[in-house]
Amino acid sequence: MMGGLAVILACQVVGEVLVRLTGMPVPGPVAGMVLFFGWLQWRRPDDQSGSVRAASTLMRYLSIMFVPVTVGIVVHGRQLASQWLPAVVGSFGTWLLTFVLVGWVAMLLRPRPRQEAS
């Protein structure tokens, strides 16, 4: 599992470096996640490989990773209260956009029935 964590961290570091060198408008960890996804697609590890076990363990404890966000909401509560409308509109708008895009991609990727030649 340590090797799997090393792969995940290496992807994050490479993603961070790529973002800083190229000036891409995405966070470094997001670029690292895309790199890790590509690595998983290329290597096709089985369920018992270190990288899959490490990722599964991190996902199991994902709720703990939201603690800093919760602390930020508590610390900046007054600012959020004074700007609640843009926060709600932004949150709902991104949720709606994601919902529509996921549905659209699912429609594009679904298997199409074969048409038999007559």
Protein backbone atom coordinates (compact mmCIF):
# COMPACT_ATOMS: atom_id res chain seq x y z
CA MET A 1 0.00 0.00 0.00
CA MET A 2 2.95 2.36 0.57
CA GLY A 3 3.85 2.09 -3.11
CA GLY A 4 0.29 3.01 -4.01
CA LEU A 5 0.40 6.08 -1.77
CA ALA A 6 3.71 7.01 -3.41
CA VAL A 7 2.07 6.81 -6.85
CA ILE A 8 -0.86 8.97 -5.72
CA LEU A 9 1.43 11.57 -4.16
CA ALA A 10 3.73 11.53 -7.18
CA CYS A 11 0.76 12.20 -9.47
CA GLN A 12 -0.29 15.09 -7.25
CA VAL A 13 3.22 16.58 -7.23
CA VAL A 14 3.57 16.22 -11.02
CA GLY A 15 0.13 17.80 -11.44
CA GLU A 16 1.12 20.71 -9.21
CA VAL A 17 4.35 21.23 -11.13
CA LEU A 18 2.54 21.08 -14.49
CA VAL A 19 -0.01 23.66 -13.36
CA ARG A 20 2.68 26.01 -12.08
CA LEU A 21 4.82 25.65 -15.20
CA THR A 22 2.01 25.99 -17.72
CA GLY A 23 -0.30 28.35 -15.84
CA MET A 24 -3.31 26.07 -16.43
CA PRO A 25 -6.45 27.42 -14.74
CA VAL A 26 -7.03 24.26 -12.66
CA PRO A 27 -5.77 23.34 -9.20
CA GLY A 28 -2.67 21.14 -9.10
CA PRO A 29 -4.40 18.31 -7.21
CA VAL A 30 -7.08 18.15 -9.93
CA ALA A 31 -4.40 17.81 -12.60
CA GLY A 32 -2.77 15.14 -10.43
CA MET A 33 -6.08 13.30 -10.15
CA VAL A 34 -6.37 13.30 -13.95
CA LEU A 35 -2.81 11.96 -14.18
CA PHE A 36 -3.63 9.24 -11.63
CA PHE A 37 -6.75 8.30 -13.60
CA GLY A 38 -4.62 8.04 -16.75
CA TRP A 39 -2.11 5.91 -14.89
CA LEU A 40 -4.88 3.60 -13.71
CA GLN A 41 -6.23 3.32 -17.25
CA TRP A 42 -2.77 2.55 -18.61
CA ARG A 43 -1.71 0.02 -15.96
CA ARG A 44 -5.14 -1.56 -15.24
CA PRO A 45 -4.16 -2.71 -11.71
CA ASP A 46 -6.19 -5.45 -10.02
CA ASP A 47 -8.20 -4.86 -6.84
CA GLN A 48 -5.37 -6.02 -4.58
CA SER A 49 -2.71 -3.70 -6.01
CA GLY A 50 -1.20 -1.09 -3.76
CA SER A 51 -2.57 1.89 -5.66
CA VAL A 52 -6.17 0.61 -5.61
CA ARG A 53 -5.93 -0.31 -1.93
CA ALA A 54 -4.45 3.10 -1.07
CA ALA A 55 -7.14 4.93 -3.04
CA SER A 56 -9.88 2.81 -1.41
CA THR A 57 -8.49 3.58 2.04
CA LEU A 58 -8.39 7.30 1.30
CA MET A 59 -11.98 7.17 0.02
CA ARG A 60 -13.12 5.35 3.16
CA TYR A 61 -11.92 8.30 5.26
CA LEU A 62 -13.01 11.02 2.85
CA SER A 63 -15.38 12.57 5.38
CA ILE A 64 -12.43 13.50 7.60
CA MET A 65 -11.02 15.54 4.72
CA PHE A 66 -14.06 17.83 4.91
CA VAL A 67 -13.15 18.99 8.42
CA PRO A 68 -11.03 21.93 7.12
CA VAL A 69 -13.95 23.07 4.96
CA THR A 70 -16.26 22.99 7.96
CA VAL A 71 -13.76 24.97 10.04
CA GLY A 72 -13.50 27.51 7.22
CA ILE A 73 -17.27 27.92 7.17
CA VAL A 74 -17.32 28.47 10.92
CA VAL A 75 -14.41 30.95 10.82
CA HIS A 76 -15.78 32.93 7.86
CA GLY A 77 -19.44 32.59 8.83
CA ARG A 78 -20.08 36.35 8.98
CA GLN A 79 -18.71 36.90 5.48
CA LEU A 80 -20.79 33.99 4.16
CA ALA A 81 -23.86 35.38 5.89
CA SER A 82 -23.38 38.77 4.23
CA GLN A 83 -22.85 37.16 0.80
CA TRP A 84 -25.28 34.27 1.03
CA LEU A 85 -27.05 34.93 -2.28
CA PRO A 86 -23.96 34.61 -4.54
CA ALA A 87 -22.86 31.55 -2.54
CA VAL A 88 -26.23 29.83 -2.95
CA VAL A 89 -26.55 30.76 -6.64
CA GLY A 90 -22.99 29.60 -7.32
CA SER A 91 -23.48 26.33 -5.44
CA PHE A 92 -26.81 25.57 -7.08
CA GLY A 93 -25.57 26.65 -10.50
CA THR A 94 -22.52 24.39 -10.38
CA TRP A 95 -24.65 21.51 -9.09
CA LEU A 96 -27.16 21.98 -11.91
CA LEU A 97 -24.43 22.26 -14.55
CA THR A 98 -22.75 19.09 -13.24
CA PHE A 99 -26.09 17.27 -13.15
CA VAL A 100 -26.89 18.19 -16.75
CA LEU A 101 -23.38 17.39 -18.02
CA VAL A 102 -23.31 13.98 -16.33
CA GLY A 103 -26.69 13.15 -17.85
CA TRP A 104 -25.52 14.29 -21.27
CA VAL A 105 -22.31 12.24 -21.08
CA ALA A 106 -24.29 9.19 -19.88
CA MET A 107 -26.60 9.55 -22.88
CA LEU A 108 -23.60 9.76 -25.22
CA LEU A 109 -21.91 6.71 -23.70
CA ARG A 110 -24.86 4.39 -23.42
CA PRO A 111 -24.83 1.41 -25.77
CA ARG A 112 -26.91 1.86 -28.87
CA PRO A 113 -29.10 -0.97 -30.15
CA ARG A 114 -27.73 -2.57 -33.30
CA GLN A 115 -29.75 -2.06 -36.43
CA GLU A 116 -29.99 -5.19 -38.46
CA ALA A 117 -29.52 -4.94 -42.22
CA SER A 118 -32.54 -6.00 -44.22
